[in-house]
C-alpha atoms as a PDB file:
ATOM      1  CA  UNK A   1      24.559  -2.507 -22.762  1.00  0.00           C
ATOM      2  CA  UNK A   2      21.637  -3.274 -20.453  1.00  0.00           C
ATOM      3  CA  UNK A   3      20.911  -5.778 -17.721  1.00  0.00           C
ATOM      4  CA  UNK A   4      17.867  -6.978 -15.859  1.00  0.00           C
ATOM      5  CA  UNK A   5      17.191  -7.342 -12.151  1.00  0.00           C
ATOM      6  CA  UNK A   6      17.660 -10.675 -10.439  1.00  0.00           C
ATOM      7  CA  UNK A   7      16.583 -12.098  -7.099  1.00  0.00           C
ATOM      8  CA  UNK A   8      20.149 -12.436  -5.772  1.00  0.00           C
ATOM      9  CA  UNK A   9      20.214 -11.610  -2.042  1.00  0.00           C
ATOM     10  CA  UNK A  10      23.624  -9.928  -2.131  1.00  0.00           C
ATOM     11  CA  UNK A  11      23.750  -6.284  -3.106  1.00  0.00           C
ATOM     12  CA  UNK A  12      25.654  -5.345  -6.243  1.00  0.00           C
ATOM     13  CA  UNK A  13      28.472  -2.869  -5.776  1.00  0.00           C
ATOM     14  CA  UNK A  14      28.209   0.117  -8.136  1.00  0.00           C
ATOM     15  CA  UNK A  15      30.532   3.136  -8.213  1.00  0.00           C
ATOM     16  CA  UNK A  16      27.829   5.584  -9.317  1.00  0.00           C
ATOM     17  CA  UNK A  17      24.072   5.342  -9.875  1.00  0.00           C
ATOM     18  CA  UNK A  18      21.999   8.027 -11.634  1.00  0.00           C
ATOM     19  CA  UNK A  19      18.202   8.057 -11.289  1.00  0.00           C
ATOM     20  CA  UNK A  20      15.792  10.621 -12.685  1.00  0.00           C
ATOM     21  CA  UNK A  21      12.119  11.229 -13.397  1.00  0.00           C
ATOM     22  CA  UNK A  22      10.720   9.004 -10.669  1.00  0.00           C
ATOM     23  CA  UNK A  23       7.674  11.306 -10.294  1.00  0.00           C
ATOM     24  CA  UNK A  24       6.702  10.342  -6.765  1.00  0.00           C
ATOM     25  CA  UNK A  25       3.187  11.563  -6.132  1.00  0.00           C
ATOM     26  CA  UNK A  26       1.783  10.478  -9.497  1.00  0.00           C
ATOM     27  CA  UNK A  27      -0.202   7.398 -10.451  1.00  0.00           C
ATOM     28  CA  UNK A  28       2.372   6.325 -13.018  1.00  0.00           C
ATOM     29  CA  UNK A  29       5.305   6.049 -10.612  1.00  0.00           C
ATOM     30  CA  UNK A  30       6.577   2.491 -10.114  1.00  0.00           C
ATOM     31  CA  UNK A  31       7.618   3.007  -6.509  1.00  0.00           C
ATOM     32  CA  UNK A  32       7.628  -0.654  -5.464  1.00  0.00           C
ATOM     33  CA  UNK A  33       9.939  -1.616  -8.307  1.00  0.00           C
ATOM     34  CA  UNK A  34      12.241   1.269  -7.431  1.00  0.00           C
ATOM     35  CA  UNK A  35      12.422   0.076  -3.810  1.00  0.00           C
ATOM     36  CA  UNK A  36      13.386  -3.372  -5.097  1.00  0.00           C
ATOM     37  CA  UNK A  37      16.157  -1.830  -7.170  1.00  0.00           C
ATOM     38  CA  UNK A  38      17.475   0.402  -4.378  1.00  0.00           C
ATOM     39  CA  UNK A  39      17.629  -2.575  -2.038  1.00  0.00           C
ATOM     40  CA  UNK A  40      19.586  -4.613  -4.611  1.00  0.00           C
ATOM     41  CA  UNK A  41      22.526  -2.205  -4.994  1.00  0.00           C
ATOM     42  CA  UNK A  42      25.341  -0.793  -2.893  1.00  0.00           C
ATOM     43  CA  UNK A  43      26.341   2.455  -4.644  1.00  0.00           C
ATOM     44  CA  UNK A  44      29.385   4.502  -3.674  1.00  0.00           C
ATOM     45  CA  UNK A  45      27.563   7.628  -4.891  1.00  0.00           C
ATOM     46  CA  UNK A  46      23.938   8.292  -5.879  1.00  0.00           C
ATOM     47  CA  UNK A  47      22.720  11.100  -8.129  1.00  0.00           C
ATOM     48  CA  UNK A  48      18.994  11.916  -8.205  1.00  0.00           C
ATOM     49  CA  UNK A  49      18.814  13.837 -11.454  1.00  0.00           C
ATOM     50  CA  UNK A  50      15.551  15.745 -11.179  1.00  0.00           C
ATOM     51  CA  UNK A  51      11.798  15.119 -11.047  1.00  0.00           C
ATOM     52  CA  UNK A  52      12.143  12.676  -8.189  1.00  0.00           C
ATOM     53  CA  UNK A  53       9.145  14.175  -6.389  1.00  0.00           C
ATOM     54  CA  UNK A  54       6.428  15.554  -8.643  1.00  0.00           C
ATOM     55  CA  UNK A  55       5.504  18.748  -6.822  1.00  0.00           C
ATOM     56  CA  UNK A  56       3.368  19.825  -9.794  1.00  0.00           C
ATOM     57  CA  UNK A  57       0.922  17.042  -8.943  1.00  0.00           C
ATOM     58  CA  UNK A  58       0.774  17.593  -5.196  1.00  0.00           C
ATOM     59  CA  UNK A  59      -2.637  19.263  -5.467  1.00  0.00           C
ATOM     60  CA  UNK A  60      -4.126  15.786  -5.979  1.00  0.00           C
ATOM     61  CA  UNK A  61      -3.132  14.847  -2.417  1.00  0.00           C
ATOM     62  CA  UNK A  62      -1.844  11.501  -3.616  1.00  0.00           C
ATOM     63  CA  UNK A  63       1.226  10.082  -1.853  1.00  0.00           C
ATOM     64  CA  UNK A  64       0.773   6.393  -0.934  1.00  0.00           C
ATOM     65  CA  UNK A  65       2.945   4.251   1.305  1.00  0.00           C
ATOM     66  CA  UNK A  66       5.391   2.931  -1.345  1.00  0.00           C
ATOM     67  CA  UNK A  67       6.103   6.504  -2.489  1.00  0.00           C
ATOM     68  CA  UNK A  68       6.955   7.563   1.047  1.00  0.00           C
ATOM     69  CA  UNK A  69       9.072   4.442   1.426  1.00  0.00           C
ATOM     70  CA  UNK A  70      11.151   5.442  -1.597  1.00  0.00           C
ATOM     71  CA  UNK A  71      12.024   8.689   0.174  1.00  0.00           C
ATOM     72  CA  UNK A  72      13.001   6.778   3.290  1.00  0.00           C
ATOM     73  CA  UNK A  73      15.158   4.394   1.223  1.00  0.00           C
ATOM     74  CA  UNK A  74      16.963   7.371  -0.316  1.00  0.00           C
ATOM     75  CA  UNK A  75      17.473   8.954   3.094  1.00  0.00           C
ATOM     76  CA  UNK A  76      18.690   5.586   4.384  1.00  0.00           C
ATOM     77  CA  UNK A  77      21.392   5.609   1.716  1.00  0.00           C
ATOM     78  CA  UNK A  78      22.505   9.124   2.674  1.00  0.00           C
ATOM     79  CA  UNK A  79      22.396   8.295   6.400  1.00  0.00           C
ATOM     80  CA  UNK A  80      24.711   5.316   5.815  1.00  0.00           C
ATOM     81  CA  UNK A  81      27.467   7.662   4.636  1.00  0.00           C
ATOM     82  CA  UNK A  82      26.940   7.438   0.862  1.00  0.00           C
ATOM     83  CA  UNK A  83      26.937  10.831  -0.943  1.00  0.00           C
ATOM     84  CA  UNK A  84      23.485  11.565  -2.390  1.00  0.00           C
ATOM     85  CA  UNK A  85      23.176  14.491  -4.814  1.00  0.00           C
ATOM     86  CA  UNK A  86      19.625  15.735  -5.366  1.00  0.00           C
ATOM     87  CA  UNK A  87      19.705  17.714  -8.617  1.00  0.00           C
ATOM     88  CA  UNK A  88      16.549  19.735  -9.111  1.00  0.00           C
ATOM     89  CA  UNK A  89      14.288  19.356 -12.137  1.00  0.00           C
ATOM     90  CA  UNK A  90      11.213  21.189 -13.386  1.00  0.00           C
ATOM     91  CA  UNK A  91       8.696  19.066 -11.470  1.00  0.00           C
ATOM     92  CA  UNK A  92      10.568  19.589  -8.197  1.00  0.00           C
ATOM     93  CA  UNK A  93      11.747  23.120  -8.978  1.00  0.00           C
ATOM     94  CA  UNK A  94      10.542  24.338  -5.577  1.00  0.00           C
ATOM     95  CA  UNK A  95      13.736  22.809  -4.183  1.00  0.00           C
ATOM     96  CA  UNK A  96      15.912  25.076  -6.337  1.00  0.00           C
ATOM     97  CA  UNK A  97      15.797  27.766  -3.676  1.00  0.00           C
ATOM     98  CA  UNK A  98      17.649  25.288  -1.436  1.00  0.00           C
ATOM     99  CA  UNK A  99      20.530  24.742  -3.890  1.00  0.00           C
ATOM    100  CA  UNK A 100      23.742  24.498  -1.909  1.00  0.00           C
ATOM    101  CA  UNK A 101      21.981  23.007   1.112  1.00  0.00           C
ATOM    102  CA  UNK A 102      23.780  20.067   2.706  1.00  0.00           C
ATOM    103  CA  UNK A 103      22.721  17.865   5.586  1.00  0.00           C
ATOM    104  CA  UNK A 104      25.053  14.950   6.229  1.00  0.00           C
ATOM    105  CA  UNK A 105      25.650  13.294   2.856  1.00  0.00           C
ATOM    106  CA  UNK A 106      22.491  14.727   1.256  1.00  0.00           C
ATOM    107  CA  UNK A 107      23.157  17.677  -1.051  1.00  0.00           C
ATOM    108  CA  UNK A 108      20.703  19.713  -3.101  1.00  0.00           C
ATOM    109  CA  UNK A 109      22.177  21.092  -6.329  1.00  0.00           C
ATOM    110  CA  UNK A 110      21.101  22.447  -9.707  1.00  0.00           C
ATOM    111  CA  UNK A 111      23.913  20.739 -11.621  1.00  0.00           C
ATOM    112  CA  UNK A 112      26.919  18.591 -10.881  1.00  0.00           C
ATOM    113  CA  UNK A 113      30.366  18.022 -12.378  1.00  0.00           C
ATOM    114  CA  UNK A 114      32.131  14.814 -11.373  1.00  0.00           C
ATOM    115  CA  UNK A 115      35.615  13.535 -12.120  1.00  0.00           C
ATOM    116  CA  UNK A 116      35.281   9.882 -13.080  1.00  0.00           C
ATOM    117  CA  UNK A 117      38.654   8.213 -13.504  1.00  0.00           C
ATOM    118  CA  UNK A 118      40.135  11.353 -15.049  1.00  0.00           C
ATOM    119  CA  UNK A 119      37.099  12.095 -17.240  1.00  0.00           C
ATOM    120  CA  UNK A 120      34.634  14.921 -16.605  1.00  0.00           C
ATOM    121  CA  UNK A 121      30.911  14.202 -16.333  1.00  0.00           C
ATOM    122  CA  UNK A 122      28.429  17.094 -16.627  1.00  0.00           C
ATOM    123  CA  UNK A 123      25.176  16.099 -14.907  1.00  0.00           C
ATOM    124  CA  UNK A 124      21.950  18.140 -14.969  1.00  0.00           C
ATOM    125  CA  UNK A 125      18.241  17.475 -15.410  1.00  0.00           C
ATOM    126  CA  UNK A 126      17.788  19.048 -18.848  1.00  0.00           C
ATOM    127  CA  UNK A 127      14.664  21.197 -18.586  1.00  0.00           C
ATOM    128  CA  UNK A 128      16.811  24.296 -19.203  1.00  0.00           C
ATOM    129  CA  UNK A 129      16.880  23.255 -22.883  1.00  0.00           C
ATOM    130  CA  UNK A 130      13.106  22.800 -23.098  1.00  0.00           C
ATOM    131  CA  UNK A 131      11.665  25.802 -24.959  1.00  0.00           C
ATOM    132  CA  UNK A 132       8.134  25.167 -23.693  1.00  0.00           C
ATOM    133  CA  UNK A 133       9.457  25.295 -20.138  1.00  0.00           C
ATOM    134  CA  UNK A 134      10.868  28.770 -20.776  1.00  0.00           C
ATOM    135  CA  UNK A 135       8.024  30.325 -22.756  1.00  0.00           C
ATOM    136  CA  UNK A 136       4.846  28.310 -22.089  1.00  0.00           C
ATOM    137  CA  UNK A 137       5.009  26.823 -18.617  1.00  0.00           C
ATOM    138  CA  UNK A 138       1.212  26.522 -18.418  1.00  0.00           C
ATOM    139  CA  UNK A 139       1.306  24.315 -21.534  1.00  0.00           C
ATOM    140  CA  UNK A 140       3.980  22.117 -19.991  1.00  0.00           C
ATOM    141  CA  UNK A 141       1.973  21.691 -16.801  1.00  0.00           C
ATOM    142  CA  UNK A 142      -1.147  20.869 -18.801  1.00  0.00           C
ATOM    143  CA  UNK A 143       0.848  18.290 -20.728  1.00  0.00           C
ATOM    144  CA  UNK A 144       2.037  16.777 -17.447  1.00  0.00           C
ATOM    145  CA  UNK A 145      -1.553  16.279 -16.292  1.00  0.00           C
ATOM    146  CA  UNK A 146      -2.467  14.754 -19.654  1.00  0.00           C
ATOM    147  CA  UNK A 147       0.541  12.441 -19.465  1.00  0.00           C
ATOM    148  CA  UNK A 148      -0.502  11.231 -16.021  1.00  0.00           C
ATOM    149  CA  UNK A 149      -4.028  10.498 -17.273  1.00  0.00           C
ATOM    150  CA  UNK A 150      -2.578   8.646 -20.263  1.00  0.00           C
ATOM    151  CA  UNK A 151      -0.510   6.476 -17.920  1.00  0.00           C
ATOM    152  CA  UNK A 152      -3.682   5.665 -15.949  1.00  0.00           C
ATOM    153  CA  UNK A 153      -5.489   4.713 -19.159  1.00  0.00           C
ATOM    154  CA  UNK A 154      -2.478   2.661 -20.243  1.00  0.00           C
ATOM    155  CA  UNK A 155      -2.590   0.714 -16.961  1.00  0.00           C
ATOM    156  CA  UNK A 156      -6.232  -0.188 -17.562  1.00  0.00           C
ATOM    157  CA  UNK A 157      -5.532  -1.240 -21.143  1.00  0.00           C
ATOM    158  CA  UNK A 158      -2.571  -3.396 -20.104  1.00  0.00           C
ATOM    159  CA  UNK A 159      -4.644  -5.020 -17.347  1.00  0.00           C
ATOM    160  CA  UNK A 160      -7.170  -6.144 -19.963  1.00  0.00           C
ATOM    161  CA  UNK A 161      -4.425  -7.282 -22.356  1.00  0.00           C
ATOM    162  CA  UNK A 162      -2.771  -9.297 -19.607  1.00  0.00           C
ATOM    163  CA  UNK A 163      -6.065 -11.052 -18.801  1.00  0.00           C
ATOM    164  CA  UNK A 164      -6.381 -11.909 -22.495  1.00  0.00           C
ATOM    165  CA  UNK A 165      -2.834 -13.263 -22.601  1.00  0.00           C
ATOM    166  CA  UNK A 166      -1.668 -10.445 -24.844  1.00  0.00           C
ATOM    167  CA  UNK A 167       1.555  -8.466 -24.639  1.00  0.00           C
ATOM    168  CA  UNK A 168       1.483  -5.126 -22.813  1.00  0.00           C
ATOM    169  CA  UNK A 169       1.816  -1.885 -24.770  1.00  0.00           C
ATOM    170  CA  UNK A 170       2.973   1.655 -24.042  1.00  0.00           C
ATOM    171  CA  UNK A 171       0.549   4.220 -25.419  1.00  0.00           C
ATOM    172  CA  UNK A 172       2.836   7.153 -24.683  1.00  0.00           C
ATOM    173  CA  UNK A 173       5.775   5.527 -26.467  1.00  0.00           C
ATOM    174  CA  UNK A 174       3.590   4.873 -29.507  1.00  0.00           C
ATOM    175  CA  UNK A 175       2.480   8.505 -29.516  1.00  0.00           C
ATOM    176  CA  UNK A 176       6.047   9.764 -29.128  1.00  0.00           C
ATOM    177  CA  UNK A 177       7.303   7.562 -31.942  1.00  0.00           C
ATOM    178  CA  UNK A 178       4.447   8.439 -34.301  1.00  0.00           C
ATOM    179  CA  UNK A 179       4.397  12.220 -33.809  1.00  0.00           C
ATOM    180  CA  UNK A 180       7.144  13.822 -35.869  1.00  0.00           C
ATOM    181  CA  UNK A 181       7.366  16.890 -33.655  1.00  0.00           C
ATOM    182  CA  UNK A 182       8.014  14.683 -30.607  1.00  0.00           C
ATOM    183  CA  UNK A 183      10.807  12.852 -32.408  1.00  0.00           C
ATOM    184  CA  UNK A 184      12.298  16.164 -33.518  1.00  0.00           C
ATOM    185  CA  UNK A 185      12.142  17.512 -29.970  1.00  0.00           C
ATOM    186  CA  UNK A 186      14.050  14.507 -28.598  1.00  0.00           C
ATOM    187  CA  UNK A 187      16.680  14.744 -31.333  1.00  0.00           C
ATOM    188  CA  UNK A 188      17.052  18.499 -30.820  1.00  0.00           C
ATOM    189  CA  UNK A 189      17.366  18.027 -27.053  1.00  0.00           C
ATOM    190  CA  UNK A 190      20.097  15.410 -27.448  1.00  0.00           C
ATOM    191  CA  UNK A 191      21.979  17.456 -30.053  1.00  0.00           C
ATOM    192  CA  UNK A 192      21.872  20.584 -27.864  1.00  0.00           C
ATOM    193  CA  UNK A 193      23.140  18.802 -24.761  1.00  0.00           C
ATOM    194  CA  UNK A 194      25.903  17.040 -26.669  1.00  0.00           C
ATOM    195  CA  UNK A 195      26.957  20.190 -28.545  1.00  0.00           C
ATOM    196  CA  UNK A 196      27.346  22.290 -25.395  1.00  0.00           C
ATOM    197  CA  UNK A 197      29.158  19.457 -23.612  1.00  0.00           C
ATOM    198  CA  UNK A 198      31.641  19.172 -26.479  1.00  0.00           C
ATOM    199  CA  UNK A 199      32.232  22.932 -26.495  1.00  0.00           C
ATOM    200  CA  UNK A 200      33.056  22.778 -22.780  1.00  0.00           C
ATOM    201  CA  UNK A 201      35.333  19.742 -23.164  1.00  0.00           C
ATOM    202  CA  UNK A 202      33.231  17.359 -21.077  1.00  0.00           C
ATOM    203  CA  UNK A 203      33.655  13.643 -21.669  1.00  0.00           C
ATOM    204  CA  UNK A 204      30.154  12.691 -20.511  1.00  0.00           C
ATOM    205  CA  UNK A 205      26.871  14.599 -20.476  1.00  0.00           C
ATOM    206  CA  UNK A 206      24.204  13.023 -18.258  1.00  0.00           C
ATOM    207  CA  UNK A 207      20.561  14.151 -18.467  1.00  0.00           C
ATOM    208  CA  UNK A 208      16.992  13.143 -17.682  1.00  0.00           C
ATOM    209  CA  UNK A 209      13.780  15.075 -18.414  1.00  0.00           C
ATOM    210  CA  UNK A 210      12.692  13.506 -21.720  1.00  0.00           C
ATOM    211  CA  UNK A 211      12.038   9.958 -20.376  1.00  0.00           C
ATOM    212  CA  UNK A 212      14.172   8.509 -23.158  1.00  0.00           C
ATOM    213  CA  UNK A 213      16.939   6.196 -21.800  1.00  0.00           C
ATOM    214  CA  UNK A 214      20.041   6.344 -23.951  1.00  0.00           C
ATOM    215  CA  UNK A 215      23.801   5.814 -24.079  1.00  0.00           C
ATOM    216  CA  UNK A 216      25.248   7.098 -27.333  1.00  0.00           C
ATOM    217  CA  UNK A 217      28.480   8.552 -28.666  1.00  0.00           C
ATOM    218  CA  UNK A 218      27.777  11.847 -30.416  1.00  0.00           C
ATOM    219  CA  UNK A 219      30.105  13.919 -32.584  1.00  0.00           C
ATOM    220  CA  UNK A 220      30.337  17.436 -33.988  1.00  0.00           C
ATOM    221  CA  UNK A 221      33.065  19.206 -35.927  1.00  0.00           C
ATOM    222  CA  UNK A 222      34.543  20.251 -32.568  1.00  0.00           C
ATOM    223  CA  UNK A 223      34.797  16.810 -31.004  1.00  0.00           C
ATOM    224  CA  UNK A 224      32.802  14.018 -29.414  1.00  0.00           C
ATOM    225  CA  UNK A 225      31.029  13.179 -26.166  1.00  0.00           C
ATOM    226  CA  UNK A 226      29.175  10.284 -24.602  1.00  0.00           C
ATOM    227  CA  UNK A 227      25.528  11.332 -24.199  1.00  0.00           C
ATOM    228  CA  UNK A 228      23.630   9.524 -21.445  1.00  0.00           C
ATOM    229  CA  UNK A 229      20.003   9.747 -20.346  1.00  0.00           C
ATOM    230  CA  UNK A 230      18.750   7.850 -17.313  1.00  0.00           C
ATOM    231  CA  UNK A 231      15.182   7.485 -18.608  1.00  0.00           C
ATOM    232  CA  UNK A 232      12.443   7.291 -15.958  1.00  0.00           C
ATOM    233  CA  UNK A 233      10.516   5.148 -13.444  1.00  0.00           C
ATOM    234  CA  UNK A 234       7.115   5.722 -15.030  1.00  0.00           C
ATOM    235  CA  UNK A 235       7.469   3.763 -18.264  1.00  0.00           C
ATOM    236  CA  UNK A 236      11.025   2.549 -18.761  1.00  0.00           C
ATOM    237  CA  UNK A 237      12.146   1.766 -15.181  1.00  0.00           C
ATOM    238  CA  UNK A 238      15.776   2.529 -15.977  1.00  0.00           C
ATOM    239  CA  UNK A 239      18.891   3.870 -14.287  1.00  0.00           C
ATOM    240  CA  UNK A 240      22.433   4.686 -15.332  1.00  0.00           C
ATOM    241  CA  UNK A 241      25.214   2.790 -13.609  1.00  0.00           C
ATOM    242  CA  UNK A 242      28.913   3.624 -13.768  1.00  0.00           C
ATOM    243  CA  UNK A 243      31.276   0.962 -12.463  1.00  0.00           C
ATOM    244  CA  UNK A 244      34.981   0.343 -13.007  1.00  0.00           C
ATOM    245  CA  UNK A 245      35.178   2.869 -15.829  1.00  0.00           C
ATOM    246  CA  UNK A 246      32.152   1.616 -17.802  1.00  0.00           C
ATOM    247  CA  UNK A 247      28.623   3.024 -18.174  1.00  0.00           C
ATOM    248  CA  UNK A 248      25.638   0.682 -18.335  1.00  0.00           C
ATOM    249  CA  UNK A 249      21.922   1.241 -18.743  1.00  0.00           C
ATOM    250  CA  UNK A 250      20.054  -0.786 -16.128  1.00  0.00           C
ATOM    251  CA  UNK A 251      16.459  -1.812 -16.907  1.00  0.00           C
ATOM    252  CA  UNK A 252      14.215  -3.239 -14.203  1.00  0.00           C
ATOM    253  CA  UNK A 253      11.634  -5.866 -14.971  1.00  0.00           C
ATOM    254  CA  UNK A 254       8.156  -4.553 -14.234  1.00  0.00           C
ATOM    255  CA  UNK A 255       6.227  -6.516 -11.604  1.00  0.00           C
ATOM    256  CA  UNK A 256       8.750  -9.356 -11.470  1.00  0.00           C
ATOM    257  CA  UNK A 257       7.307 -10.514  -8.160  1.00  0.00           C
ATOM    258  CA  UNK A 258       4.952  -9.364  -5.448  1.00  0.00           C
ATOM    259  CA  UNK A 259       6.702  -6.960  -3.131  1.00  0.00           C
ATOM    260  CA  UNK A 260       5.040  -5.990   0.115  1.00  0.00           C
ATOM    261  CA  UNK A 261       6.342  -3.388   2.552  1.00  0.00           C
ATOM    262  CA  UNK A 262       6.247  -4.807   6.108  1.00  0.00           C
ATOM    263  CA  UNK A 263       3.890  -2.963   8.408  1.00  0.00           C
ATOM    264  CA  UNK A 264       6.718  -2.853  10.976  1.00  0.00           C
ATOM    265  CA  UNK A 265       8.512  -0.302   8.844  1.00  0.00           C
ATOM    266  CA  UNK A 266       6.035   2.230  10.125  1.00  0.00           C
ATOM    267  CA  UNK A 267       4.988   4.132   7.010  1.00  0.00           C
ATOM    268  CA  UNK A 268       1.349   5.210   6.885  1.00  0.00           C
ATOM    269  CA  UNK A 269      -0.791   4.027   4.002  1.00  0.00           C
ATOM    270  CA  UNK A 270      -0.899   7.547   2.629  1.00  0.00           C
ATOM    271  CA  UNK A 271       0.371  11.011   3.390  1.00  0.00           C
ATOM    272  CA  UNK A 272      -1.183  14.319   2.513  1.00  0.00           C
ATOM    273  CA  UNK A 273       1.701  16.594   1.591  1.00  0.00           C
ATOM    274  CA  UNK A 274       2.052  20.143   0.431  1.00  0.00           C
ATOM    275  CA  UNK A 275       5.031  22.072  -0.892  1.00  0.00           C
ATOM    276  CA  UNK A 276       5.920  23.593   2.484  1.00  0.00           C
ATOM    277  CA  UNK A 277       5.909  20.195   4.172  1.00  0.00           C
ATOM    278  CA  UNK A 278       8.174  18.516   1.615  1.00  0.00           C
ATOM    279  CA  UNK A 279      11.509  20.066   2.513  1.00  0.00           C
ATOM    280  CA  UNK A 280      10.771  19.797   6.250  1.00  0.00           C
ATOM    281  CA  UNK A 281       9.978  16.106   5.774  1.00  0.00           C
ATOM    282  CA  UNK A 282      13.328  15.403   4.111  1.00  0.00           C
ATOM    283  CA  UNK A 283      15.222  17.173   6.864  1.00  0.00           C
ATOM    284  CA  UNK A 284      13.212  15.493   9.634  1.00  0.00           C
ATOM    285  CA  UNK A 285      13.839  12.023   8.227  1.00  0.00           C
ATOM    286  CA  UNK A 286      17.595  12.578   8.440  1.00  0.00           C
ATOM    287  CA  UNK A 287      17.738  14.487  11.720  1.00  0.00           C
ATOM    288  CA  UNK A 288      15.387  12.392  13.836  1.00  0.00           C
ATOM    289  CA  UNK A 289      15.421   8.882  12.379  1.00  0.00           C
ATOM    290  CA  UNK A 290      18.982   8.059  11.209  1.00  0.00           C
ATOM    291  CA  UNK A 291      19.408   4.996  13.443  1.00  0.00           C
ATOM    292  CA  UNK A 292      15.966   3.648  12.537  1.00  0.00           C
ATOM    293  CA  UNK A 293      16.586   4.206   8.860  1.00  0.00           C
ATOM    294  CA  UNK A 294      19.995   2.530   8.767  1.00  0.00           C
ATOM    295  CA  UNK A 295      18.753  -0.505  10.697  1.00  0.00           C
ATOM    296  CA  UNK A 296      16.141  -1.532   8.094  1.00  0.00           C
ATOM    297  CA  UNK A 297      17.125  -4.238   5.639  1.00  0.00           C
END
């Protein structure tokens, strides 16, 4: 089941929201749309399931105002008393050394197990099951750069198609769907996650990493589990929402309306960040600006 964003002024109440693969710091990240989404919900708990900040791409020195604003929106949620779990992924693996760190309601973790109405949810990013991550990290990083360039090319192509009145396309999705090895990788990833979850008697297994949003019941000879993947905010613009005992896959409409960040919110047009500055920035936002953050609407 999926739903689309609306322009209703009131925030929707959601018991749990899971976001992953935002890839702040890359050209493909839809930061403005994510800000729209974050400002439309009132979650009781938020899970950031890996690859929120793309530290792999920090060498490009690209971190525009909307990307910084996403971080401040996330900190705003934590500062308002809502538990925020930052689960590390491969693109933000530098934060893994801070696993166990807690400041207010912000927690940094490598995995998470939640009890949801008597059912156990196993939440982790998923890169641990990626063979290329374990044995050919240089190839994975090269692929990440290529993916970012493909997203840039896709944006140019879609701009031209839109001017011609044609429907937009996703080049990466077409490649994924046409390359048999890519399809096999996704299937193998899903089967592995579901199989281990069933062995450990989990009711839900929640992942990210592969940018493939999904809610699907999966079975083996040992039992069954609900496999969930939150997708991404590069192509799919999706999130998982759990409310009143039911999971839903939220999908945001791309560029539904112009969304400008007021200058009064005080975020510079760009920030030059490095890995050492990232963690300090997160801490500083919470320690020194909690009142300012909570007051923004």
